[in-house]
Amino acid sequence: GEKLVQEALDKAKEGRTTIVIAHRLSTIKNADIIVGIEHGQVVEYGSHNELMQHKGLYYELVTAQTEKEKEVESDIENEM
């Protein structure tokens, strides 16, 4: 699952520059630098913590994704 993908990415990026394009933002939160691009323009960059404090595009995406994951988990629990 996701843990296996993260471990493979961590191993692949050792000692080299790696560019990762991700829909699941948890995949990139350990990156040295995260770049937010909107409409083809760089709108922000920094570490996960820096971008979360900035509360810009990255923060909005992480927050929305986290809320959506919680909704899905809740729906699954309610179906059981």
PDB file of N, CA and C in Angstrom:
ATOM      1  N   GLY A   1       0.803  -1.182   0.000  1.00  0.00           N
ATOM      2  CA  GLY A   1       0.000   0.000   0.000  1.00  0.00           C
ATOM      3  C   GLY A   1       0.854   1.257   0.000  1.00  0.00           C
ATOM      4  N   GLU A   2       0.317   2.250   0.619  1.00  0.00           N
ATOM      5  CA  GLU A   2       0.963   3.565   0.647  1.00  0.00           C
ATOM      6  C   GLU A   2       2.325   3.521   1.334  1.00  0.00           C
ATOM      7  N   LYS A   3       2.438   2.731   2.394  1.00  0.00           N
ATOM      8  CA  LYS A   3       3.712   2.633   3.116  1.00  0.00           C
ATOM      9  C   LYS A   3       4.798   2.052   2.211  1.00  0.00           C
ATOM     10  N   LEU A   4       4.452   1.050   1.436  1.00  0.00           N
ATOM     11  CA  LEU A   4       5.402   0.428   0.514  1.00  0.00           C
ATOM     12  C   LEU A   4       5.876   1.427  -0.544  1.00  0.00           C
ATOM     13  N   VAL A   5       4.946   2.218  -1.070  1.00  0.00           N
ATOM     14  CA  VAL A   5       5.297   3.244  -2.057  1.00  0.00           C
ATOM     15  C   VAL A   5       6.243   4.263  -1.436  1.00  0.00           C
ATOM     16  N   GLN A   6       5.940   4.701  -0.208  1.00  0.00           N
ATOM     17  CA  GLN A   6       6.783   5.686   0.469  1.00  0.00           C
ATOM     18  C   GLN A   6       8.191   5.145   0.698  1.00  0.00           C
ATOM     19  N   GLU A   7       8.293   3.891   1.116  1.00  0.00           N
ATOM     20  CA  GLU A   7       9.604   3.285   1.341  1.00  0.00           C
ATOM     21  C   GLU A   7      10.402   3.197   0.040  1.00  0.00           C
ATOM     22  N   ALA A   8       9.734   2.847  -1.051  1.00  0.00           N
ATOM     23  CA  ALA A   8      10.406   2.759  -2.354  1.00  0.00           C
ATOM     24  C   ALA A   8      10.887   4.134  -2.814  1.00  0.00           C
ATOM     25  N   LEU A   9      10.057   5.155  -2.617  1.00  0.00           N
ATOM     26  CA  LEU A   9      10.467   6.520  -2.979  1.00  0.00           C
ATOM     27  C   LEU A   9      11.654   6.978  -2.147  1.00  0.00           C
ATOM     28  N   ASP A  10      11.603   6.718  -0.850  1.00  0.00           N
ATOM     29  CA  ASP A  10      12.702   7.112   0.036  1.00  0.00           C
ATOM     30  C   ASP A  10      14.016   6.470  -0.407  1.00  0.00           C
ATOM     31  N   LYS A  11      13.947   5.190  -0.778  1.00  0.00           N
ATOM     32  CA  LYS A  11      15.156   4.489  -1.211  1.00  0.00           C
ATOM     33  C   LYS A  11      15.648   5.021  -2.560  1.00  0.00           C
ATOM     34  N   ALA A  12      14.722   5.286  -3.478  1.00  0.00           N
ATOM     35  CA  ALA A  12      15.090   5.744  -4.822  1.00  0.00           C
ATOM     36  C   ALA A  12      15.724   7.128  -4.815  1.00  0.00           C
ATOM     37  N   LYS A  13      15.349   7.972  -3.866  1.00  0.00           N
ATOM     38  CA  LYS A  13      15.860   9.350  -3.877  1.00  0.00           C
ATOM     39  C   LYS A  13      17.169   9.533  -3.113  1.00  0.00           C
ATOM     40  N   GLU A  14      17.665   8.489  -2.477  1.00  0.00           N
ATOM     41  CA  GLU A  14      18.909   8.593  -1.714  1.00  0.00           C
ATOM     42  C   GLU A  14      20.056   9.032  -2.615  1.00  0.00           C
ATOM     43  N   GLY A  15      20.708  10.142  -2.256  1.00  0.00           N
ATOM     44  CA  GLY A  15      21.881  10.607  -2.971  1.00  0.00           C
ATOM     45  C   GLY A  15      21.617  11.248  -4.318  1.00  0.00           C
ATOM     46  N   ARG A  16      20.370  11.587  -4.611  1.00  0.00           N
ATOM     47  CA  ARG A  16      20.075  12.208  -5.907  1.00  0.00           C
ATOM     48  C   ARG A  16      18.887  13.148  -5.796  1.00  0.00           C
ATOM     49  N   THR A  17      18.795  14.019  -6.763  1.00  0.00           N
ATOM     50  CA  THR A  17      17.643  14.911  -6.859  1.00  0.00           C
ATOM     51  C   THR A  17      16.500  14.130  -7.486  1.00  0.00           C
ATOM     52  N   THR A  18      15.331  14.214  -6.878  1.00  0.00           N
ATOM     53  CA  THR A  18      14.171  13.471  -7.349  1.00  0.00           C
ATOM     54  C   THR A  18      12.990  14.420  -7.483  1.00  0.00           C
ATOM     55  N   ILE A  19      12.301  14.347  -8.595  1.00  0.00           N
ATOM     56  CA  ILE A  19      11.077  15.125  -8.776  1.00  0.00           C
ATOM     57  C   ILE A  19       9.913  14.152  -8.697  1.00  0.00           C
ATOM     58  N   VAL A  20       8.992  14.428  -7.787  1.00  0.00           N
ATOM     59  CA  VAL A  20       7.828  13.571  -7.580  1.00  0.00           C
ATOM     60  C   VAL A  20       6.578  14.403  -7.821  1.00  0.00           C
ATOM     61  N   ILE A  21       5.699  13.915  -8.670  1.00  0.00           N
ATOM     62  CA  ILE A  21       4.402  14.546  -8.877  1.00  0.00           C
ATOM     63  C   ILE A  21       3.397  13.644  -8.187  1.00  0.00           C
ATOM     64  N   ALA A  22       2.642  14.221  -7.251  1.00  0.00           N
ATOM     65  CA  ALA A  22       1.792  13.377  -6.413  1.00  0.00           C
ATOM     66  C   ALA A  22       0.388  13.935  -6.256  1.00  0.00           C
ATOM     67  N   HIS A  23      -0.563  13.031  -6.232  1.00  0.00           N
ATOM     68  CA  HIS A  23      -1.935  13.399  -5.882  1.00  0.00           C
ATOM     69  C   HIS A  23      -2.163  13.178  -4.394  1.00  0.00           C
ATOM     70  N   ARG A  24      -1.540  12.150  -3.852  1.00  0.00           N
ATOM     71  CA  ARG A  24      -1.626  11.905  -2.407  1.00  0.00           C
ATOM     72  C   ARG A  24      -0.490  12.681  -1.755  1.00  0.00           C
ATOM     73  N   LEU A  25      -0.850  13.753  -1.085  1.00  0.00           N
ATOM     74  CA  LEU A  25       0.157  14.668  -0.557  1.00  0.00           C
ATOM     75  C   LEU A  25       0.982  14.060   0.561  1.00  0.00           C
ATOM     76  N   SER A  26       0.481  13.028   1.205  1.00  0.00           N
ATOM     77  CA  SER A  26       1.277  12.360   2.235  1.00  0.00           C
ATOM     78  C   SER A  26       2.543  11.756   1.626  1.00  0.00           C
ATOM     79  N   THR A  27       2.517  11.490   0.325  1.00  0.00           N
ATOM     80  CA  THR A  27       3.671  10.930  -0.371  1.00  0.00           C
ATOM     81  C   THR A  27       4.852  11.896  -0.393  1.00  0.00           C
ATOM     82  N   ILE A  28       4.576  13.199  -0.372  1.00  0.00           N
ATOM     83  CA  ILE A  28       5.652  14.182  -0.531  1.00  0.00           C
ATOM     84  C   ILE A  28       5.955  14.980   0.729  1.00  0.00           C
ATOM     85  N   LYS A  29       5.277  14.711   1.824  1.00  0.00           N
ATOM     86  CA  LYS A  29       5.454  15.578   2.993  1.00  0.00           C
ATOM     87  C   LYS A  29       6.857  15.521   3.592  1.00  0.00           C
ATOM     88  N   ASN A  30       7.635  14.480   3.295  1.00  0.00           N
ATOM     89  CA  ASN A  30       9.008  14.399   3.797  1.00  0.00           C
ATOM     90  C   ASN A  30      10.031  14.993   2.828  1.00  0.00           C
ATOM     91  N   ALA A  31       9.561  15.563   1.722  1.00  0.00           N
ATOM     92  CA  ALA A  31      10.477  16.146   0.732  1.00  0.00           C
ATOM     93  C   ALA A  31      11.187  17.363   1.315  1.00  0.00           C
ATOM     94  N   ASP A  32      12.418  17.594   0.849  1.00  0.00           N
ATOM     95  CA  ASP A  32      13.164  18.783   1.284  1.00  0.00           C
ATOM     96  C   ASP A  32      12.465  20.057   0.834  1.00  0.00           C
ATOM     97  N   ILE A  33      12.015  20.065  -0.415  1.00  0.00           N
ATOM     98  CA  ILE A  33      11.327  21.227  -0.976  1.00  0.00           C
ATOM     99  C   ILE A  33      10.081  20.749  -1.715  1.00  0.00           C
ATOM    100  N   ILE A  34       8.961  21.378  -1.423  1.00  0.00           N
ATOM    101  CA  ILE A  34       7.698  21.117  -2.109  1.00  0.00           C
ATOM    102  C   ILE A  34       7.368  22.382  -2.892  1.00  0.00           C
ATOM    103  N   VAL A  35       7.021  22.217  -4.162  1.00  0.00           N
ATOM    104  CA  VAL A  35       6.694  23.355  -5.014  1.00  0.00           C
ATOM    105  C   VAL A  35       5.214  23.284  -5.361  1.00  0.00           C
ATOM    106  N   GLY A  36       4.488  24.357  -5.082  1.00  0.00           N
ATOM    107  CA  GLY A  36       3.077  24.452  -5.446  1.00  0.00           C
ATOM    108  C   GLY A  36       2.956  25.187  -6.769  1.00  0.00           C
ATOM    109  N   ILE A  37       2.316  24.555  -7.742  1.00  0.00           N
ATOM    110  CA  ILE A  37       2.147  25.147  -9.069  1.00  0.00           C
ATOM    111  C   ILE A  37       0.657  25.275  -9.346  1.00  0.00           C
ATOM    112  N   GLU A  38       0.258  26.462  -9.752  1.00  0.00           N
ATOM    113  CA  GLU A  38      -1.143  26.714 -10.076  1.00  0.00           C
ATOM    114  C   GLU A  38      -1.201  27.458 -11.403  1.00  0.00           C
ATOM    115  N   HIS A  39      -1.976  26.940 -12.350  1.00  0.00           N
ATOM    116  CA  HIS A  39      -2.093  27.536 -13.685  1.00  0.00           C
ATOM    117  C   HIS A  39      -0.720  27.741 -14.329  1.00  0.00           C
ATOM    118  N   GLY A  40       0.173  26.767 -14.146  1.00  0.00           N
ATOM    119  CA  GLY A  40       1.485  26.803 -14.767  1.00  0.00           C
ATOM    120  C   GLY A  40       2.499  27.723 -14.109  1.00  0.00           C
ATOM    121  N   GLN A  41       2.142  28.317 -12.984  1.00  0.00           N
ATOM    122  CA  GLN A  41       3.031  29.243 -12.287  1.00  0.00           C
ATOM    123  C   GLN A  41       3.368  28.713 -10.898  1.00  0.00           C
ATOM    124  N   VAL A  42       4.625  28.863 -10.490  1.00  0.00           N
ATOM    125  CA  VAL A  42       5.012  28.511  -9.121  1.00  0.00           C
ATOM    126  C   VAL A  42       4.393  29.548  -8.197  1.00  0.00           C
ATOM    127  N   VAL A  43       3.564  29.091  -7.259  1.00  0.00           N
ATOM    128  CA  VAL A  43       2.902  30.018  -6.337  1.00  0.00           C
ATOM    129  C   VAL A  43       3.484  29.941  -4.932  1.00  0.00           C
ATOM    130  N   GLU A  44       4.192  28.852  -4.626  1.00  0.00           N
ATOM    131  CA  GLU A  44       4.828  28.734  -3.314  1.00  0.00           C
ATOM    132  C   GLU A  44       5.797  27.561  -3.325  1.00  0.00           C
ATOM    133  N   TYR A  45       6.757  27.603  -2.416  1.00  0.00           N
ATOM    134  CA  TYR A  45       7.665  26.475  -2.240  1.00  0.00           C
ATOM    135  C   TYR A  45       8.245  26.532  -0.844  1.00  0.00           C
ATOM    136  N   GLY A  46       8.605  25.353  -0.339  1.00  0.00           N
ATOM    137  CA  GLY A  46       9.176  25.237   0.992  1.00  0.00           C
ATOM    138  C   GLY A  46       8.996  23.822   1.498  1.00  0.00           C
ATOM    139  N   SER A  47       9.299  23.618   2.762  1.00  0.00           N
ATOM    140  CA  SER A  47       9.093  22.305   3.380  1.00  0.00           C
ATOM    141  C   SER A  47       7.612  22.147   3.728  1.00  0.00           C
ATOM    142  N   HIS A  48       7.227  20.939   4.083  1.00  0.00           N
ATOM    143  CA  HIS A  48       5.845  20.679   4.502  1.00  0.00           C
ATOM    144  C   HIS A  48       5.453  21.625   5.638  1.00  0.00           C
ATOM    145  N   ASN A  49       6.295  21.706   6.666  1.00  0.00           N
ATOM    146  CA  ASN A  49       5.968  22.557   7.817  1.00  0.00           C
ATOM    147  C   ASN A  49       5.861  24.027   7.432  1.00  0.00           C
ATOM    148  N   GLU A  50       6.790  24.500   6.598  1.00  0.00           N
ATOM    149  CA  GLU A  50       6.745  25.902   6.166  1.00  0.00           C
ATOM    150  C   GLU A  50       5.466  26.205   5.397  1.00  0.00           C
ATOM    151  N   LEU A  51       5.108  25.308   4.493  1.00  0.00           N
ATOM    152  CA  LEU A  51       3.918  25.538   3.678  1.00  0.00           C
ATOM    153  C   LEU A  51       2.636  25.416   4.499  1.00  0.00           C
ATOM    154  N   MET A  52       2.624  24.544   5.476  1.00  0.00           N
ATOM    155  CA  MET A  52       1.447  24.438   6.344  1.00  0.00           C
ATOM    156  C   MET A  52       1.282  25.713   7.174  1.00  0.00           C
ATOM    157  N   GLN A  53       2.377  26.294   7.630  1.00  0.00           N
ATOM    158  CA  GLN A  53       2.312  27.549   8.392  1.00  0.00           C
ATOM    159  C   GLN A  53       1.886  28.715   7.504  1.00  0.00           C
ATOM    160  N   HIS A  54       2.302  28.686   6.247  1.00  0.00           N
ATOM    161  CA  HIS A  54       1.981  29.756   5.294  1.00  0.00           C
ATOM    162  C   HIS A  54       0.479  29.794   4.984  1.00  0.00           C
ATOM    163  N   LYS A  55      -0.174  28.636   5.057  1.00  0.00           N
ATOM    164  CA  LYS A  55      -1.615  28.486   4.815  1.00  0.00           C
ATOM    165  C   LYS A  55      -2.032  28.951   3.420  1.00  0.00           C
ATOM    166  N   GLY A  56      -1.244  28.561   2.429  1.00  0.00           N
ATOM    167  CA  GLY A  56      -1.550  28.876   1.032  1.00  0.00           C
ATOM    168  C   GLY A  56      -2.152  27.673   0.322  1.00  0.00           C
ATOM    169  N   LEU A  57      -1.786  27.506  -0.939  1.00  0.00           N
ATOM    170  CA  LEU A  57      -2.316  26.438  -1.785  1.00  0.00           C
ATOM    171  C   LEU A  57      -2.068  25.053  -1.195  1.00  0.00           C
ATOM    172  N   TYR A  58      -0.839  24.772  -0.814  1.00  0.00           N
ATOM    173  CA  TYR A  58      -0.498  23.449  -0.273  1.00  0.00           C
ATOM    174  C   TYR A  58      -1.329  23.151   0.970  1.00  0.00           C
ATOM    175  N   TYR A  59      -1.422  24.106   1.873  1.00  0.00           N
ATOM    176  CA  TYR A  59      -2.219  23.948   3.098  1.00  0.00           C
ATOM    177  C   TYR A  59      -3.669  23.608   2.744  1.00  0.00           C
ATOM    178  N   GLU A  60      -4.232  24.350   1.790  1.00  0.00           N
ATOM    179  CA  GLU A  60      -5.622  24.107   1.387  1.00  0.00           C
ATOM    180  C   GLU A  60      -5.799  22.700   0.825  1.00  0.00           C
ATOM    181  N   LEU A  61      -4.849  22.259   0.007  1.00  0.00           N
ATOM    182  CA  LEU A  61      -4.944  20.926  -0.585  1.00  0.00           C
ATOM    183  C   LEU A  61      -4.798  19.828   0.466  1.00  0.00           C
ATOM    184  N   VAL A  62      -3.835  19.981   1.373  1.00  0.00           N
ATOM    185  CA  VAL A  62      -3.637  18.989   2.438  1.00  0.00           C
ATOM    186  C   VAL A  62      -4.882  18.917   3.313  1.00  0.00           C
ATOM    187  N   THR A  63      -5.416  20.066   3.685  1.00  0.00           N
ATOM    188  CA  THR A  63      -6.602  20.113   4.540  1.00  0.00           C
ATOM    189  C   THR A  63      -7.790  19.452   3.855  1.00  0.00           C
ATOM    190  N   ALA A  64      -8.016  19.776   2.584  1.00  0.00           N
ATOM    191  CA  ALA A  64      -9.133  19.192   1.842  1.00  0.00           C
ATOM    192  C   ALA A  64      -8.969  17.683   1.705  1.00  0.00           C
ATOM    193  N   GLN A  65      -7.746  17.230   1.419  1.00  0.00           N
ATOM    194  CA  GLN A  65      -7.511  15.799   1.252  1.00  0.00           C
ATOM    195  C   GLN A  65      -7.701  15.056   2.570  1.00  0.00           C
ATOM    196  N   THR A  66      -7.237  15.639   3.658  1.00  0.00           N
ATOM    197  CA  THR A  66      -7.382  15.018   4.976  1.00  0.00           C
ATOM    198  C   THR A  66      -8.854  14.900   5.351  1.00  0.00           C
ATOM    199  N   GLU A  67      -9.622  15.966   5.098  1.00  0.00           N
ATOM    200  CA  GLU A  67     -11.053  15.934   5.406  1.00  0.00           C
ATOM    201  C   GLU A  67     -11.766  14.883   4.571  1.00  0.00           C
ATOM    202  N   LYS A  68     -11.408  14.771   3.296  1.00  0.00           N
ATOM    203  CA  LYS A  68     -12.033  13.785   2.412  1.00  0.00           C
ATOM    204  C   LYS A  68     -11.719  12.366   2.884  1.00  0.00           C
ATOM    205  N   GLU A  69     -10.474  12.119   3.302  1.00  0.00           N
ATOM    206  CA  GLU A  69     -10.100  10.795   3.802  1.00  0.00           C
ATOM    207  C   GLU A  69     -10.891  10.451   5.059  1.00  0.00           C
ATOM    208  N   LYS A  70     -11.103  11.431   5.934  1.00  0.00           N
ATOM    209  CA  LYS A  70     -11.890  11.195   7.147  1.00  0.00           C
ATOM    210  C   LYS A  70     -13.333  10.861   6.796  1.00  0.00           C
ATOM    211  N   GLU A  71     -13.897  11.553   5.783  1.00  0.00           N
ATOM    212  CA  GLU A  71     -15.260  11.271   5.334  1.00  0.00           C
ATOM    213  C   GLU A  71     -15.377   9.834   4.837  1.00  0.00           C
ATOM    214  N   VAL A  72     -14.426   9.409   4.023  1.00  0.00           N
ATOM    215  CA  VAL A  72     -14.446   8.055   3.464  1.00  0.00           C
ATOM    216  C   VAL A  72     -14.354   7.025   4.586  1.00  0.00           C
ATOM    217  N   GLU A  73     -13.451   7.246   5.546  1.00  0.00           N
ATOM    218  CA  GLU A  73     -13.322   6.328   6.678  1.00  0.00           C
ATOM    219  C   GLU A  73     -14.619   6.253   7.466  1.00  0.00           C
ATOM    220  N   SER A  74     -15.266   7.395   7.673  1.00  0.00           N
ATOM    221  CA  SER A  74     -16.521   7.440   8.416  1.00  0.00           C
ATOM    222  C   SER A  74     -17.616   6.688   7.662  1.00  0.00           C
ATOM    223  N   ASP A  75     -17.676   6.888   6.337  1.00  0.00           N
ATOM    224  CA  ASP A  75     -18.669   6.188   5.524  1.00  0.00           C
ATOM    225  C   ASP A  75     -18.462   4.679   5.591  1.00  0.00           C
ATOM    226  N   ILE A  76     -17.213   4.237   5.547  1.00  0.00           N
ATOM    227  CA  ILE A  76     -16.910   2.802   5.617  1.00  0.00           C
ATOM    228  C   ILE A  76     -17.344   2.240   6.967  1.00  0.00           C
ATOM    229  N   GLU A  77     -17.030   2.965   8.046  1.00  0.00           N
ATOM    230  CA  GLU A  77     -17.419   2.512   9.384  1.00  0.00           C
ATOM    231  C   GLU A  77     -18.934   2.436   9.519  1.00  0.00           C
ATOM    232  N   ASN A  78     -19.655   3.388   8.936  1.00  0.00           N
ATOM    233  CA  ASN A  78     -21.114   3.407   9.020  1.00  0.00           C
ATOM    234  C   ASN A  78     -21.748   2.269   8.234  1.00  0.00           C
ATOM    235  N   GLU A  79     -21.067   1.790   7.202  1.00  0.00           N
ATOM    236  CA  GLU A  79     -21.597   0.695   6.398  1.00  0.00           C
ATOM    237  C   GLU A  79     -21.424  -0.657   7.077  1.00  0.00           C
ATOM    238  N   MET A  80     -20.542  -0.734   8.065  1.00  0.00           N
ATOM    239  CA  MET A  80     -20.273  -2.018   8.721  1.00  0.00           C
ATOM    240  C   MET A  80     -21.294  -2.333   9.755  1.00  0.00           C
TER     241      MET A  80
END
